[in-house]
Amino acid sequence: MTKKGDPSIDKEAAMRRDVPATAAACVAVETPLFRVSSHVASKMTTRQAERINERELLSIYALLAYVSHNQNIRQETVQLIIEAEFGVDHVSKIRREDYERAIEFLVDLKIEEVMN
């Protein structure tokens, strides 16, 4: 039996409740594609973290192509319209929280209404 005031037990309980800052700084993020230490990851700008990922960007580009083909307009024109709608200078800079709205915007887009 262990005593209630045993310092080793209190230390273990504290570790489970809260990870010390020094230990958190040494943790590495690892995926099959890349490896980033948390120190480097913490330096990533908030804007980069808020941007859409590659799969979401690919979905937007696919929908851009679909809309431009179906409405017989250049893909660059559709891209400029969505960039203007979301206030970005490139589609890849659309914020992650605006992704669903961007998809809905493209689905509902009627070029004739926008151009007139």
N, C-alpha and C. Protein backbone atom coordinates (compact mmCIF):
# COMPACT_ATOMS: atom_id res chain seq x y z
N MET A 1 0.83 -1.18 0.00
CA MET A 1 0.00 0.00 0.00
C MET A 1 0.88 1.25 0.00
N THR A 2 0.40 2.25 -0.68
CA THR A 2 1.13 3.51 -0.70
C THR A 2 0.41 4.51 0.17
N LYS A 3 1.19 5.42 0.68
CA LYS A 3 0.63 6.45 1.54
C LYS A 3 0.06 7.58 0.70
N LYS A 4 -0.91 8.26 1.24
CA LYS A 4 -1.55 9.36 0.52
C LYS A 4 -0.58 10.51 0.26
N GLY A 5 0.35 10.75 1.13
CA GLY A 5 1.28 11.86 0.99
C GLY A 5 2.55 11.50 0.25
N ASP A 6 2.63 10.30 -0.33
CA ASP A 6 3.83 9.85 -1.03
C ASP A 6 4.11 10.79 -2.21
N PRO A 7 5.31 11.43 -2.25
CA PRO A 7 5.61 12.41 -3.31
C PRO A 7 5.62 11.81 -4.71
N SER A 8 5.98 10.55 -4.87
CA SER A 8 6.01 9.95 -6.21
C SER A 8 4.61 9.83 -6.78
N ILE A 9 3.62 9.56 -5.95
CA ILE A 9 2.24 9.45 -6.41
C ILE A 9 1.73 10.83 -6.80
N ASP A 10 2.01 11.83 -5.99
CA ASP A 10 1.56 13.20 -6.30
C ASP A 10 2.19 13.68 -7.60
N LYS A 11 3.44 13.34 -7.84
CA LYS A 11 4.12 13.75 -9.06
C LYS A 11 3.46 13.10 -10.28
N GLU A 12 3.16 11.79 -10.16
CA GLU A 12 2.51 11.08 -11.27
C GLU A 12 1.12 11.64 -11.54
N ALA A 13 0.40 11.95 -10.49
CA ALA A 13 -0.95 12.51 -10.66
C ALA A 13 -0.87 13.88 -11.34
N ALA A 14 0.13 14.65 -10.96
CA ALA A 14 0.30 15.97 -11.58
C ALA A 14 0.64 15.83 -13.05
N MET A 15 1.45 14.85 -13.41
CA MET A 15 1.83 14.63 -14.81
C MET A 15 0.62 14.25 -15.65
N ARG A 16 -0.29 13.47 -15.09
CA ARG A 16 -1.48 13.08 -15.85
C ARG A 16 -2.41 14.26 -16.05
N ARG A 17 -2.45 15.16 -15.09
CA ARG A 17 -3.35 16.30 -15.20
C ARG A 17 -2.83 17.37 -16.14
N ASP A 18 -1.53 17.59 -16.09
CA ASP A 18 -0.99 18.71 -16.83
C ASP A 18 0.40 18.35 -17.34
N VAL A 19 0.64 18.52 -18.63
CA VAL A 19 1.95 18.25 -19.20
C VAL A 19 2.80 19.50 -19.01
N PRO A 20 3.99 19.34 -18.41
CA PRO A 20 4.85 20.52 -18.23
C PRO A 20 5.22 21.15 -19.56
N ALA A 21 5.46 22.45 -19.55
CA ALA A 21 5.78 23.18 -20.77
C ALA A 21 7.06 22.68 -21.42
N THR A 22 8.04 22.27 -20.61
CA THR A 22 9.29 21.79 -21.19
C THR A 22 9.09 20.47 -21.93
N ALA A 23 8.24 19.62 -21.39
CA ALA A 23 7.97 18.35 -22.07
C ALA A 23 7.17 18.60 -23.34
N ALA A 24 6.22 19.52 -23.30
CA ALA A 24 5.40 19.81 -24.48
C ALA A 24 6.26 20.39 -25.60
N ALA A 25 7.31 21.14 -25.23
CA ALA A 25 8.18 21.74 -26.25
C ALA A 25 9.01 20.70 -26.97
N CYS A 26 9.20 19.54 -26.38
CA CYS A 26 10.03 18.50 -26.98
C CYS A 26 9.22 17.51 -27.82
N VAL A 27 7.91 17.59 -27.76
CA VAL A 27 7.07 16.66 -28.50
C VAL A 27 7.17 16.94 -29.99
N ALA A 28 7.22 15.90 -30.79
CA ALA A 28 7.30 16.07 -32.24
C ALA A 28 6.01 15.58 -32.87
N VAL A 29 5.57 16.28 -33.90
CA VAL A 29 4.41 15.87 -34.67
C VAL A 29 4.94 15.07 -35.85
N GLU A 30 4.42 13.87 -36.03
CA GLU A 30 4.95 13.03 -37.08
C GLU A 30 3.80 12.39 -37.85
N THR A 31 3.82 12.54 -39.16
CA THR A 31 2.86 11.90 -40.04
C THR A 31 3.66 11.20 -41.13
N PRO A 32 3.03 10.36 -41.94
CA PRO A 32 3.77 9.70 -43.02
C PRO A 32 4.39 10.68 -44.01
N LEU A 33 3.83 11.89 -44.13
CA LEU A 33 4.31 12.82 -45.13
C LEU A 33 5.39 13.77 -44.62
N PHE A 34 5.34 14.14 -43.36
CA PHE A 34 6.33 15.09 -42.86
C PHE A 34 6.52 14.94 -41.37
N ARG A 35 7.57 15.57 -40.88
CA ARG A 35 7.92 15.55 -39.47
C ARG A 35 8.17 16.98 -39.03
N VAL A 36 7.49 17.44 -37.99
CA VAL A 36 7.65 18.81 -37.51
C VAL A 36 7.71 18.78 -35.99
N SER A 37 8.71 19.43 -35.43
CA SER A 37 8.74 19.52 -33.97
C SER A 37 7.72 20.56 -33.54
N SER A 38 7.24 20.44 -32.32
CA SER A 38 6.23 21.39 -31.86
C SER A 38 6.80 22.80 -31.77
N HIS A 39 8.12 22.91 -31.57
CA HIS A 39 8.74 24.23 -31.53
C HIS A 39 8.60 24.92 -32.88
N VAL A 40 8.86 24.18 -33.95
CA VAL A 40 8.71 24.73 -35.31
C VAL A 40 7.24 24.96 -35.60
N ALA A 41 6.39 24.01 -35.20
CA ALA A 41 4.96 24.13 -35.46
C ALA A 41 4.37 25.35 -34.77
N SER A 42 4.90 25.68 -33.58
CA SER A 42 4.36 26.84 -32.87
C SER A 42 4.72 28.14 -33.57
N LYS A 43 5.77 28.11 -34.41
CA LYS A 43 6.17 29.31 -35.14
C LYS A 43 5.37 29.51 -36.42
N MET A 44 4.60 28.49 -36.82
CA MET A 44 3.77 28.63 -38.01
C MET A 44 2.77 29.76 -37.75
N THR A 45 2.57 30.56 -38.73
CA THR A 45 1.65 31.67 -38.53
C THR A 45 0.23 31.16 -38.42
N THR A 46 -0.58 31.91 -37.75
CA THR A 46 -1.98 31.55 -37.60
C THR A 46 -2.66 31.50 -38.96
N ARG A 47 -2.26 32.38 -39.86
CA ARG A 47 -2.87 32.38 -41.19
C ARG A 47 -2.63 31.07 -41.92
N GLN A 48 -1.43 30.50 -41.80
CA GLN A 48 -1.14 29.23 -42.45
C GLN A 48 -2.00 28.13 -41.86
N ALA A 49 -2.18 28.14 -40.56
CA ALA A 49 -2.96 27.10 -39.91
C ALA A 49 -4.43 27.21 -40.26
N GLU A 50 -4.90 28.42 -40.60
CA GLU A 50 -6.31 28.63 -40.89
C GLU A 50 -6.65 28.37 -42.35
N ARG A 51 -5.66 28.19 -43.20
CA ARG A 51 -5.93 28.00 -44.63
C ARG A 51 -6.43 26.58 -44.90
N ILE A 52 -7.09 26.44 -46.04
CA ILE A 52 -7.58 25.13 -46.43
C ILE A 52 -6.42 24.20 -46.74
N ASN A 53 -6.65 22.89 -46.59
CA ASN A 53 -5.59 21.93 -46.87
C ASN A 53 -5.62 21.54 -48.35
N GLU A 54 -4.70 20.67 -48.75
CA GLU A 54 -4.57 20.33 -50.17
C GLU A 54 -5.79 19.62 -50.73
N ARG A 55 -6.41 18.76 -49.95
CA ARG A 55 -7.62 18.06 -50.43
C ARG A 55 -8.78 19.04 -50.64
N GLU A 56 -8.93 19.96 -49.73
CA GLU A 56 -9.98 20.96 -49.88
C GLU A 56 -9.71 21.84 -51.09
N LEU A 57 -8.45 22.20 -51.29
CA LEU A 57 -8.07 23.01 -52.46
C LEU A 57 -8.35 22.25 -53.75
N LEU A 58 -8.03 20.97 -53.76
CA LEU A 58 -8.30 20.15 -54.94
C LEU A 58 -9.79 20.08 -55.22
N SER A 59 -10.60 20.00 -54.19
CA SER A 59 -12.06 19.99 -54.37
C SER A 59 -12.55 21.29 -54.97
N ILE A 60 -11.99 22.39 -54.50
CA ILE A 60 -12.40 23.70 -55.04
C ILE A 60 -11.99 23.81 -56.50
N TYR A 61 -10.77 23.38 -56.83
CA TYR A 61 -10.33 23.43 -58.23
C TYR A 61 -11.20 22.54 -59.13
N ALA A 62 -11.57 21.37 -58.64
CA ALA A 62 -12.44 20.48 -59.42
C ALA A 62 -13.80 21.13 -59.66
N LEU A 63 -14.33 21.77 -58.63
CA LEU A 63 -15.62 22.45 -58.78
C LEU A 63 -15.50 23.68 -59.67
N LEU A 64 -14.36 24.37 -59.62
CA LEU A 64 -14.11 25.49 -60.54
C LEU A 64 -14.17 25.00 -61.98
N ALA A 65 -13.51 23.89 -62.25
CA ALA A 65 -13.50 23.34 -63.60
C ALA A 65 -14.90 22.91 -64.04
N TYR A 66 -15.63 22.31 -63.13
CA TYR A 66 -16.98 21.85 -63.43
C TYR A 66 -17.90 23.04 -63.76
N VAL A 67 -17.84 24.06 -62.94
CA VAL A 67 -18.68 25.26 -63.15
C VAL A 67 -18.31 25.93 -64.46
N SER A 68 -17.02 26.09 -64.71
CA SER A 68 -16.61 26.77 -65.94
C SER A 68 -17.02 25.97 -67.18
N HIS A 69 -16.93 24.66 -67.12
CA HIS A 69 -17.33 23.82 -68.26
C HIS A 69 -18.84 23.91 -68.50
N ASN A 70 -19.62 23.76 -67.42
CA ASN A 70 -21.08 23.76 -67.56
C ASN A 70 -21.64 25.11 -67.96
N GLN A 71 -20.98 26.19 -67.57
CA GLN A 71 -21.51 27.50 -67.88
C GLN A 71 -20.76 28.17 -69.03
N ASN A 72 -19.88 27.40 -69.67
CA ASN A 72 -19.17 27.85 -70.86
C ASN A 72 -18.43 29.18 -70.64
N ILE A 73 -17.59 29.17 -69.62
CA ILE A 73 -16.79 30.35 -69.29
C ILE A 73 -15.40 29.87 -68.87
N ARG A 74 -14.42 30.74 -69.01
CA ARG A 74 -13.05 30.35 -68.67
C ARG A 74 -12.92 30.08 -67.18
N GLN A 75 -12.10 29.10 -66.84
CA GLN A 75 -11.88 28.74 -65.45
C GLN A 75 -11.23 29.89 -64.67
N GLU A 76 -10.38 30.64 -65.32
CA GLU A 76 -9.73 31.77 -64.67
C GLU A 76 -10.76 32.81 -64.22
N THR A 77 -11.81 32.99 -65.02
CA THR A 77 -12.86 33.95 -64.67
C THR A 77 -13.60 33.49 -63.41
N VAL A 78 -13.93 32.20 -63.35
CA VAL A 78 -14.61 31.66 -62.17
C VAL A 78 -13.70 31.79 -60.95
N GLN A 79 -12.41 31.54 -61.15
CA GLN A 79 -11.46 31.65 -60.05
C GLN A 79 -11.39 33.09 -59.54
N LEU A 80 -11.37 34.05 -60.45
CA LEU A 80 -11.35 35.46 -60.04
C LEU A 80 -12.61 35.84 -59.27
N ILE A 81 -13.73 35.30 -59.67
CA ILE A 81 -14.99 35.59 -58.99
C ILE A 81 -14.96 35.08 -57.55
N ILE A 82 -14.49 33.84 -57.36
CA ILE A 82 -14.46 33.29 -55.99
C ILE A 82 -13.41 33.99 -55.14
N GLU A 83 -12.30 34.37 -55.74
CA GLU A 83 -11.27 35.10 -54.99
C GLU A 83 -11.81 36.46 -54.54
N ALA A 84 -12.56 37.13 -55.41
CA ALA A 84 -13.16 38.42 -55.06
C ALA A 84 -14.22 38.24 -53.96
N GLU A 85 -14.99 37.18 -54.06
CA GLU A 85 -16.04 36.93 -53.08
C GLU A 85 -15.47 36.73 -51.67
N PHE A 86 -14.32 36.06 -51.57
CA PHE A 86 -13.74 35.76 -50.27
C PHE A 86 -12.58 36.68 -49.90
N GLY A 87 -12.31 37.67 -50.73
CA GLY A 87 -11.31 38.68 -50.40
C GLY A 87 -9.90 38.16 -50.28
N VAL A 88 -9.53 37.22 -51.18
CA VAL A 88 -8.18 36.67 -51.17
C VAL A 88 -7.55 36.89 -52.54
N ASP A 89 -6.21 36.85 -52.59
CA ASP A 89 -5.56 37.04 -53.88
C ASP A 89 -5.29 35.71 -54.59
N HIS A 90 -5.56 34.59 -53.92
CA HIS A 90 -5.44 33.28 -54.56
C HIS A 90 -6.36 32.31 -53.84
N VAL A 91 -6.92 31.37 -54.57
CA VAL A 91 -7.87 30.41 -54.02
C VAL A 91 -7.27 29.65 -52.83
N SER A 92 -5.98 29.36 -52.87
CA SER A 92 -5.35 28.59 -51.80
C SER A 92 -5.33 29.35 -50.47
N LYS A 93 -5.63 30.64 -50.49
CA LYS A 93 -5.63 31.43 -49.26
C LYS A 93 -7.01 31.56 -48.64
N ILE A 94 -7.97 30.84 -49.17
CA ILE A 94 -9.30 30.82 -48.55
C ILE A 94 -9.16 30.19 -47.17
N ARG A 95 -9.79 30.80 -46.20
CA ARG A 95 -9.69 30.30 -44.83
C ARG A 95 -10.45 28.99 -44.66
N ARG A 96 -9.98 28.16 -43.76
CA ARG A 96 -10.59 26.86 -43.52
C ARG A 96 -12.05 26.99 -43.11
N GLU A 97 -12.36 28.00 -42.32
CA GLU A 97 -13.75 28.16 -41.88
C GLU A 97 -14.68 28.60 -43.01
N ASP A 98 -14.11 29.08 -44.12
CA ASP A 98 -14.92 29.49 -45.28
C ASP A 98 -15.03 28.40 -46.34
N TYR A 99 -14.43 27.25 -46.10
CA TYR A 99 -14.40 26.20 -47.12
C TYR A 99 -15.81 25.77 -47.55
N GLU A 100 -16.66 25.45 -46.59
CA GLU A 100 -18.01 24.99 -46.94
C GLU A 100 -18.79 26.07 -47.67
N ARG A 101 -18.62 27.30 -47.23
CA ARG A 101 -19.31 28.41 -47.89
C ARG A 101 -18.79 28.60 -49.32
N ALA A 102 -17.49 28.35 -49.53
CA ALA A 102 -16.91 28.46 -50.87
C ALA A 102 -17.50 27.39 -51.80
N ILE A 103 -17.64 26.18 -51.28
CA ILE A 103 -18.24 25.11 -52.08
C ILE A 103 -19.69 25.46 -52.41
N GLU A 104 -20.43 25.91 -51.42
CA GLU A 104 -21.83 26.30 -51.66
C GLU A 104 -21.92 27.44 -52.66
N PHE A 105 -21.00 28.40 -52.57
CA PHE A 105 -20.98 29.53 -53.49
C PHE A 105 -20.79 29.04 -54.92
N LEU A 106 -19.85 28.11 -55.12
CA LEU A 106 -19.59 27.59 -56.47
C LEU A 106 -20.76 26.77 -56.99
N VAL A 107 -21.37 26.00 -56.12
CA VAL A 107 -22.53 25.19 -56.55
C VAL A 107 -23.68 26.09 -56.99
N ASP A 108 -23.90 27.17 -56.26
CA ASP A 108 -25.01 28.07 -56.55
C ASP A 108 -24.68 29.16 -57.57
N LEU A 109 -23.44 29.24 -58.01
CA LEU A 109 -22.99 30.32 -58.88
C LEU A 109 -23.67 30.28 -60.25
N LYS A 110 -24.24 31.39 -60.62
CA LYS A 110 -24.84 31.58 -61.94
C LYS A 110 -24.07 32.73 -62.59
N ILE A 111 -23.21 32.42 -63.53
CA ILE A 111 -22.32 33.41 -64.13
C ILE A 111 -23.11 34.56 -64.77
N GLU A 112 -24.21 34.23 -65.42
CA GLU A 112 -24.99 35.28 -66.08
C GLU A 112 -25.50 36.32 -65.09
N GLU A 113 -25.86 35.88 -63.87
CA GLU A 113 -26.32 36.82 -62.85
C GLU A 113 -25.17 37.66 -62.30
N VAL A 114 -24.00 37.08 -62.21
CA VAL A 114 -22.85 37.81 -61.69
C VAL A 114 -22.38 38.85 -62.70
N MET A 115 -22.36 38.48 -63.97
CA MET A 115 -21.84 39.35 -65.01
C MET A 115 -22.81 40.48 -65.36
N ASN A 116 -24.07 40.32 -65.12
CA ASN A 116 -25.07 41.36 -65.49
C ASN A 116 -25.46 42.20 -64.34
